[in-house]
Amino acid sequence: PVGEVSIWAAGGFDTNSFTMLAFNAAGGQVGMDQVQTQDWAELHIVAPGIVSIRLTAISGDEGWLYDDLSTGAGCYADCNGNGALTVADFGCFQGKYVTGCP
């Protein structure tokens, strides 16, 4: 799981609508970002436990693209991203903190 994900989207000849949804291991949605652009624009989500994303483009033409997908580890107390804080999460978070997680 990661704590942050971003990707750049660009429209073609028309302004296009781009959506990114982020999901945790249980399949629950943990974040959403949406932009409308003809030029380049960044979709960016910060949330604990991201394991998958879904990208959607609504376009009047076929001239759009995605580029530069990036992820970040993040530093969240809910290490496994299940939405509940446990003793195991606390120990995991302490380990991250000691190794310099911001």
N, C-alpha and C. Protein backbone atom coordinates (compact mmCIF):
# COMPACT_ATOMS: atom_id res chain seq x y z
N PRO A 1 0.82 -1.20 0.00
CA PRO A 1 0.00 0.00 0.00
C PRO A 1 0.86 1.26 0.00
N VAL A 2 0.35 2.30 -0.62
CA VAL A 2 1.02 3.59 -0.63
C VAL A 2 0.10 4.63 -0.01
N GLY A 3 0.67 5.78 0.33
CA GLY A 3 -0.10 6.84 0.95
C GLY A 3 -0.37 8.00 0.02
N GLU A 4 0.18 7.93 -1.19
CA GLU A 4 0.02 9.05 -2.11
C GLU A 4 0.19 8.55 -3.54
N VAL A 5 -0.62 9.07 -4.44
CA VAL A 5 -0.49 8.72 -5.86
C VAL A 5 -0.86 9.95 -6.70
N SER A 6 -0.11 10.13 -7.78
CA SER A 6 -0.43 11.23 -8.70
C SER A 6 -0.13 10.80 -10.13
N ILE A 7 -0.81 11.44 -11.06
CA ILE A 7 -0.60 11.20 -12.48
C ILE A 7 -1.00 12.48 -13.23
N TRP A 8 -0.34 12.72 -14.34
CA TRP A 8 -0.65 13.88 -15.17
C TRP A 8 -1.55 13.44 -16.31
N ALA A 9 -2.54 14.28 -16.64
CA ALA A 9 -3.46 14.01 -17.74
C ALA A 9 -3.48 15.21 -18.67
N ALA A 10 -3.66 14.95 -19.95
CA ALA A 10 -3.75 16.03 -20.94
C ALA A 10 -4.90 15.77 -21.89
N GLY A 11 -5.65 16.82 -22.16
CA GLY A 11 -6.72 16.75 -23.14
C GLY A 11 -6.16 16.88 -24.54
N GLY A 12 -6.99 16.68 -25.50
CA GLY A 12 -6.57 16.77 -26.90
C GLY A 12 -7.04 18.06 -27.53
N PHE A 13 -7.88 17.94 -28.51
CA PHE A 13 -8.40 19.11 -29.21
C PHE A 13 -9.50 19.80 -28.41
N ASP A 14 -10.16 19.05 -27.52
CA ASP A 14 -11.24 19.58 -26.70
C ASP A 14 -10.85 19.52 -25.23
N THR A 15 -11.56 20.25 -24.38
CA THR A 15 -11.39 20.12 -22.94
C THR A 15 -12.00 18.79 -22.52
N ASN A 16 -11.24 18.02 -21.73
CA ASN A 16 -11.67 16.70 -21.30
C ASN A 16 -11.76 16.64 -19.78
N SER A 17 -12.59 15.75 -19.28
CA SER A 17 -12.76 15.54 -17.85
C SER A 17 -12.04 14.25 -17.46
N PHE A 18 -11.15 14.34 -16.47
CA PHE A 18 -10.37 13.20 -16.00
C PHE A 18 -10.68 12.96 -14.52
N THR A 19 -10.88 11.71 -14.14
CA THR A 19 -11.15 11.35 -12.75
C THR A 19 -10.21 10.23 -12.33
N MET A 20 -9.69 10.33 -11.10
CA MET A 20 -8.90 9.25 -10.51
C MET A 20 -9.55 8.89 -9.18
N LEU A 21 -9.84 7.60 -9.01
CA LEU A 21 -10.35 7.07 -7.76
C LEU A 21 -9.28 6.18 -7.15
N ALA A 22 -9.12 6.21 -5.83
CA ALA A 22 -8.15 5.36 -5.13
C ALA A 22 -8.90 4.42 -4.19
N PHE A 23 -8.40 3.18 -4.09
CA PHE A 23 -9.06 2.15 -3.30
C PHE A 23 -8.08 1.48 -2.34
N ASN A 24 -8.60 1.01 -1.18
CA ASN A 24 -7.79 0.27 -0.23
C ASN A 24 -7.89 -1.23 -0.51
N ALA A 25 -7.23 -2.04 0.32
CA ALA A 25 -7.18 -3.49 0.09
C ALA A 25 -8.55 -4.14 0.17
N ALA A 26 -9.48 -3.55 0.93
CA ALA A 26 -10.82 -4.10 1.05
C ALA A 26 -11.72 -3.68 -0.11
N GLY A 27 -11.19 -2.86 -1.03
CA GLY A 27 -11.97 -2.40 -2.16
C GLY A 27 -12.75 -1.12 -1.89
N GLY A 28 -12.56 -0.56 -0.69
CA GLY A 28 -13.25 0.69 -0.36
C GLY A 28 -12.56 1.90 -0.97
N GLN A 29 -13.35 2.84 -1.44
CA GLN A 29 -12.79 4.06 -2.01
C GLN A 29 -12.23 4.93 -0.90
N VAL A 30 -10.96 5.35 -1.04
CA VAL A 30 -10.31 6.18 -0.02
C VAL A 30 -9.98 7.58 -0.54
N GLY A 31 -10.21 7.84 -1.83
CA GLY A 31 -9.93 9.17 -2.35
C GLY A 31 -10.40 9.34 -3.77
N MET A 32 -10.57 10.63 -4.17
CA MET A 32 -10.97 10.95 -5.53
C MET A 32 -10.42 12.33 -5.89
N ASP A 33 -9.99 12.49 -7.13
CA ASP A 33 -9.62 13.79 -7.66
C ASP A 33 -10.14 13.87 -9.09
N GLN A 34 -10.52 15.08 -9.50
CA GLN A 34 -11.06 15.28 -10.84
C GLN A 34 -10.57 16.62 -11.38
N VAL A 35 -10.20 16.64 -12.66
CA VAL A 35 -9.80 17.87 -13.33
C VAL A 35 -10.46 17.93 -14.70
N GLN A 36 -10.61 19.14 -15.21
CA GLN A 36 -11.04 19.36 -16.58
C GLN A 36 -9.96 20.20 -17.24
N THR A 37 -9.41 19.70 -18.35
CA THR A 37 -8.30 20.39 -18.98
C THR A 37 -8.19 20.03 -20.46
N GLN A 38 -7.61 20.92 -21.20
CA GLN A 38 -7.18 20.63 -22.56
C GLN A 38 -5.66 20.51 -22.57
N ASP A 39 -5.02 21.19 -21.63
CA ASP A 39 -3.58 21.14 -21.45
C ASP A 39 -3.26 20.09 -20.38
N TRP A 40 -2.05 20.09 -19.83
CA TRP A 40 -1.66 19.17 -18.77
C TRP A 40 -2.22 19.62 -17.43
N ALA A 41 -2.68 18.65 -16.62
CA ALA A 41 -3.13 18.90 -15.25
C ALA A 41 -2.84 17.67 -14.42
N GLU A 42 -2.56 17.87 -13.14
CA GLU A 42 -2.21 16.76 -12.25
C GLU A 42 -3.42 16.30 -11.45
N LEU A 43 -3.60 14.98 -11.41
CA LEU A 43 -4.54 14.33 -10.50
C LEU A 43 -3.71 13.83 -9.33
N HIS A 44 -4.14 14.11 -8.08
CA HIS A 44 -3.31 13.81 -6.92
C HIS A 44 -4.21 13.41 -5.75
N ILE A 45 -3.89 12.27 -5.13
CA ILE A 45 -4.65 11.79 -3.96
C ILE A 45 -3.66 11.42 -2.86
N VAL A 46 -3.96 11.87 -1.63
CA VAL A 46 -3.21 11.47 -0.44
C VAL A 46 -4.20 10.78 0.49
N ALA A 47 -3.96 9.52 0.79
CA ALA A 47 -4.84 8.74 1.67
C ALA A 47 -4.08 7.50 2.13
N PRO A 48 -4.35 7.00 3.33
CA PRO A 48 -3.64 5.81 3.80
C PRO A 48 -4.10 4.55 3.08
N GLY A 49 -3.17 3.65 2.80
CA GLY A 49 -3.50 2.30 2.32
C GLY A 49 -3.99 2.19 0.89
N ILE A 50 -3.53 3.05 -0.02
CA ILE A 50 -3.95 2.95 -1.41
C ILE A 50 -3.28 1.73 -2.05
N VAL A 51 -4.10 0.82 -2.61
CA VAL A 51 -3.55 -0.36 -3.29
C VAL A 51 -3.91 -0.39 -4.77
N SER A 52 -4.92 0.39 -5.19
CA SER A 52 -5.26 0.44 -6.60
C SER A 52 -5.92 1.77 -6.92
N ILE A 53 -5.87 2.11 -8.22
CA ILE A 53 -6.55 3.32 -8.68
C ILE A 53 -7.35 2.98 -9.94
N ARG A 54 -8.34 3.83 -10.23
CA ARG A 54 -9.11 3.71 -11.46
C ARG A 54 -9.09 5.08 -12.13
N LEU A 55 -8.66 5.12 -13.39
CA LEU A 55 -8.60 6.35 -14.16
C LEU A 55 -9.72 6.36 -15.19
N THR A 56 -10.43 7.48 -15.29
CA THR A 56 -11.51 7.62 -16.25
C THR A 56 -11.33 8.93 -17.00
N ALA A 57 -11.47 8.89 -18.32
CA ALA A 57 -11.43 10.10 -19.16
C ALA A 57 -12.75 10.20 -19.91
N ILE A 58 -13.40 11.36 -19.77
CA ILE A 58 -14.61 11.64 -20.54
C ILE A 58 -14.22 12.67 -21.57
N SER A 59 -14.32 12.29 -22.83
CA SER A 59 -13.71 13.08 -23.88
C SER A 59 -14.64 13.25 -25.07
N GLY A 60 -14.52 14.41 -25.71
CA GLY A 60 -15.22 14.64 -26.97
C GLY A 60 -14.40 14.18 -28.15
N ASP A 61 -13.14 13.83 -27.89
CA ASP A 61 -12.26 13.34 -28.95
C ASP A 61 -11.38 12.23 -28.38
N GLU A 62 -10.57 11.64 -29.20
CA GLU A 62 -9.69 10.56 -28.75
C GLU A 62 -8.27 11.04 -28.49
N GLY A 63 -8.05 12.35 -28.45
CA GLY A 63 -6.70 12.88 -28.31
C GLY A 63 -6.33 13.25 -26.89
N TRP A 64 -6.34 12.30 -25.95
CA TRP A 64 -5.95 12.56 -24.58
C TRP A 64 -4.95 11.51 -24.13
N LEU A 65 -4.21 11.79 -23.04
CA LEU A 65 -3.26 10.81 -22.53
C LEU A 65 -2.93 11.05 -21.07
N TYR A 66 -2.34 10.01 -20.44
CA TYR A 66 -1.82 10.07 -19.07
C TYR A 66 -0.31 9.90 -19.13
N ASP A 67 0.39 10.49 -18.15
CA ASP A 67 1.84 10.37 -18.10
C ASP A 67 2.32 10.57 -16.67
N ASP A 68 3.50 10.02 -16.38
CA ASP A 68 4.22 10.25 -15.12
C ASP A 68 3.45 9.83 -13.87
N LEU A 69 3.03 8.57 -13.81
CA LEU A 69 2.43 8.04 -12.60
C LEU A 69 3.49 7.97 -11.51
N SER A 70 3.17 8.48 -10.32
CA SER A 70 4.11 8.40 -9.21
C SER A 70 3.36 8.06 -7.93
N THR A 71 4.08 7.42 -7.01
CA THR A 71 3.51 7.05 -5.71
C THR A 71 4.45 7.47 -4.61
N GLY A 72 3.90 7.63 -3.43
CA GLY A 72 4.70 7.93 -2.25
C GLY A 72 4.23 7.06 -1.11
N ALA A 73 5.15 6.75 -0.22
CA ALA A 73 4.84 5.84 0.87
C ALA A 73 3.88 6.44 1.87
N GLY A 74 4.00 7.73 2.14
CA GLY A 74 3.18 8.32 3.18
C GLY A 74 3.59 7.79 4.54
N CYS A 75 3.11 8.38 5.56
CA CYS A 75 3.45 7.94 6.91
C CYS A 75 2.20 8.07 7.77
N TYR A 76 1.40 7.02 7.79
CA TYR A 76 0.13 7.06 8.48
C TYR A 76 0.13 6.06 9.63
N ALA A 77 -0.58 6.40 10.67
CA ALA A 77 -0.67 5.50 11.82
C ALA A 77 -1.39 4.20 11.45
N ASP A 78 -2.34 4.25 10.54
CA ASP A 78 -3.07 3.05 10.10
C ASP A 78 -2.24 2.35 9.03
N CYS A 79 -1.21 1.61 9.45
CA CYS A 79 -0.23 1.03 8.52
C CYS A 79 -0.85 0.09 7.49
N ASN A 80 -1.85 -0.69 7.88
CA ASN A 80 -2.43 -1.63 6.92
C ASN A 80 -3.60 -1.02 6.16
N GLY A 81 -3.98 0.21 6.47
CA GLY A 81 -5.01 0.91 5.71
C GLY A 81 -6.42 0.35 5.83
N ASN A 82 -6.70 -0.38 6.91
CA ASN A 82 -8.03 -0.99 7.04
C ASN A 82 -9.04 -0.09 7.75
N GLY A 83 -8.62 1.10 8.17
CA GLY A 83 -9.53 2.04 8.80
C GLY A 83 -9.65 1.90 10.31
N ALA A 84 -8.98 0.91 10.89
CA ALA A 84 -9.00 0.72 12.35
C ALA A 84 -7.58 0.78 12.88
N LEU A 85 -7.39 1.48 13.98
CA LEU A 85 -6.07 1.55 14.61
C LEU A 85 -5.95 0.45 15.65
N THR A 86 -4.88 -0.36 15.55
CA THR A 86 -4.65 -1.46 16.47
C THR A 86 -3.25 -1.33 17.07
N VAL A 87 -2.94 -2.20 18.01
CA VAL A 87 -1.61 -2.23 18.60
C VAL A 87 -0.57 -2.51 17.52
N ALA A 88 -0.87 -3.37 16.57
CA ALA A 88 0.05 -3.67 15.47
C ALA A 88 0.33 -2.42 14.63
N ASP A 89 -0.72 -1.63 14.37
CA ASP A 89 -0.53 -0.37 13.64
C ASP A 89 0.40 0.57 14.41
N PHE A 90 0.21 0.64 15.72
CA PHE A 90 1.04 1.52 16.55
C PHE A 90 2.51 1.11 16.46
N GLY A 91 2.79 -0.19 16.58
CA GLY A 91 4.17 -0.67 16.47
C GLY A 91 4.75 -0.40 15.08
N CYS A 92 3.96 -0.61 14.05
CA CYS A 92 4.40 -0.34 12.68
C CYS A 92 4.72 1.13 12.50
N PHE A 93 3.85 2.01 12.99
CA PHE A 93 4.06 3.44 12.86
C PHE A 93 5.31 3.88 13.62
N GLN A 94 5.54 3.33 14.80
CA GLN A 94 6.76 3.68 15.55
C GLN A 94 8.00 3.29 14.74
N GLY A 95 7.97 2.13 14.11
CA GLY A 95 9.10 1.71 13.28
C GLY A 95 9.33 2.66 12.12
N LYS A 96 8.27 3.10 11.47
CA LYS A 96 8.40 4.06 10.37
C LYS A 96 8.99 5.39 10.87
N TYR A 97 8.50 5.83 12.02
CA TYR A 97 8.94 7.11 12.57
C TYR A 97 10.44 7.07 12.89
N VAL A 98 10.89 5.98 13.47
CA VAL A 98 12.31 5.83 13.83
C VAL A 98 13.20 5.85 12.59
N THR A 99 12.69 5.33 11.48
CA THR A 99 13.51 5.30 10.25
C THR A 99 13.40 6.58 9.44
N GLY A 100 12.70 7.60 9.97
CA GLY A 100 12.67 8.90 9.33
C GLY A 100 11.46 9.22 8.50
N CYS A 101 10.40 8.44 8.63
CA CYS A 101 9.17 8.75 7.90
C CYS A 101 8.67 10.10 8.39
N PRO A 102 8.37 11.02 7.48
CA PRO A 102 7.95 12.37 7.90
C PRO A 102 6.63 12.36 8.64
